[in-house]
Amino acid sequence: MDVEFTPLPGIGECHTFTTVTGRRVGVVTHYAGGRRELIHGVGDDPDAVCSLTLSRGEAIALAGLLGILDVVDVDVTGTQHRHPADG
């Protein structure tokens, strides 16, 4: 499966993939505050999406529900900080 990266100048970045049924799913990470939005493509228009804004704790909880046991943050020095999935 290919994950596409799209820079969003002045906003953040978007990572998306296409499901086997042809639906677009992704996450927009905003530069300001690291806010994350879960997005889901609607129809054939790539600009028409539904979104759900998640706090960091909510994003970690969703990752846990999807089977990810922990989330790793990497700061600019390369030091890793582990966060348990239960937030």
Protein backbone atom coordinates (compact mmCIF):
# COMPACT_ATOMS: atom_id res chain seq x y z
CA MET A 1 0.00 0.00 0.00
CA ASP A 2 1.33 3.43 -0.92
CA VAL A 3 0.98 6.35 1.49
CA GLU A 4 1.04 9.72 -0.25
CA PHE A 5 2.62 12.77 1.40
CA THR A 6 1.33 16.21 0.49
CA PRO A 7 2.84 19.37 2.00
CA LEU A 8 0.20 21.97 2.85
CA PRO A 9 2.12 25.29 2.85
CA GLY A 10 1.28 27.38 5.89
CA ILE A 11 -0.95 24.63 7.31
CA GLY A 12 0.98 21.40 7.79
CA GLU A 13 1.18 18.11 5.97
CA CYS A 14 -1.18 15.40 4.82
CA HIS A 15 -0.62 11.65 4.58
CA THR A 16 -3.24 9.65 2.67
CA PHE A 17 -3.81 6.24 1.19
CA THR A 18 -6.51 4.58 -0.88
CA THR A 19 -8.36 1.58 0.55
CA VAL A 20 -9.03 -1.54 -1.48
CA THR A 21 -12.58 -0.25 -2.02
CA GLY A 22 -11.25 3.00 -3.51
CA ARG A 23 -11.87 5.29 -0.54
CA ARG A 24 -9.29 7.93 0.42
CA VAL A 25 -8.28 8.04 4.11
CA GLY A 26 -5.67 10.28 5.67
CA VAL A 27 -4.37 12.45 8.46
CA VAL A 28 -3.65 16.18 8.27
CA THR A 29 -1.11 17.28 10.88
CA HIS A 30 -1.17 21.04 11.49
CA TYR A 31 2.03 22.96 12.21
CA ALA A 32 0.28 25.07 14.86
CA GLY A 33 -0.15 22.92 17.94
CA GLY A 34 0.24 19.58 16.17
CA ARG A 35 -3.54 19.24 15.82
CA ARG A 36 -4.52 16.19 13.76
CA GLU A 37 -7.52 15.72 11.53
CA LEU A 38 -8.69 12.34 10.34
CA ILE A 39 -9.99 12.79 6.79
CA HIS A 40 -12.10 10.59 4.55
CA GLY A 41 -12.66 11.25 0.85
CA VAL A 42 -16.19 11.86 -0.32
CA GLY A 43 -17.01 10.89 -3.90
CA ASP A 44 -14.64 11.49 -6.81
CA ASP A 45 -13.69 15.09 -5.85
CA PRO A 46 -10.27 15.05 -4.11
CA ASP A 47 -11.13 18.35 -2.39
CA ALA A 48 -14.40 17.03 -0.92
CA VAL A 49 -13.62 15.37 2.41
CA CYS A 50 -15.18 14.73 5.78
CA SER A 51 -12.88 15.48 8.69
CA LEU A 52 -12.73 14.79 12.40
CA THR A 53 -10.36 16.85 14.55
CA LEU A 54 -8.59 14.80 17.22
CA SER A 55 -6.63 15.92 20.28
CA ARG A 56 -3.33 14.17 20.92
CA GLY A 57 -4.94 11.90 23.51
CA GLU A 58 -7.79 11.05 21.15
CA ALA A 59 -5.33 10.26 18.35
CA ILE A 60 -3.42 7.94 20.69
CA ALA A 61 -6.67 6.26 21.79
CA LEU A 62 -7.69 5.73 18.14
CA ALA A 63 -4.25 4.31 17.36
CA GLY A 64 -4.75 1.85 20.22
CA LEU A 65 -8.14 0.82 18.87
CA LEU A 66 -6.55 0.22 15.47
CA GLY A 67 -3.93 -2.07 17.01
CA ILE A 68 -1.00 0.31 17.45
CA LEU A 69 0.42 -0.29 20.92
CA ASP A 70 2.33 2.96 21.32
CA VAL A 71 3.18 6.23 19.61
CA VAL A 72 6.76 7.46 19.34
CA ASP A 73 7.59 11.18 19.12
CA VAL A 74 10.97 12.19 17.73
CA ASP A 75 12.25 15.66 18.60
CA VAL A 76 14.75 17.64 16.51
CA THR A 77 17.69 16.15 18.44
CA GLY A 78 16.58 12.65 17.47
CA THR A 79 15.69 11.60 21.03
CA GLN A 80 12.70 9.26 21.14
CA HIS A 81 9.94 9.59 23.72
CA ARG A 82 7.50 6.70 24.09
CA HIS A 83 3.87 7.29 25.01
CA PRO A 84 1.66 4.40 26.09
CA ALA A 85 -1.45 3.91 23.99
CA ASP A 86 -3.73 4.49 26.96
CA GLY A 87 -2.61 8.13 26.82
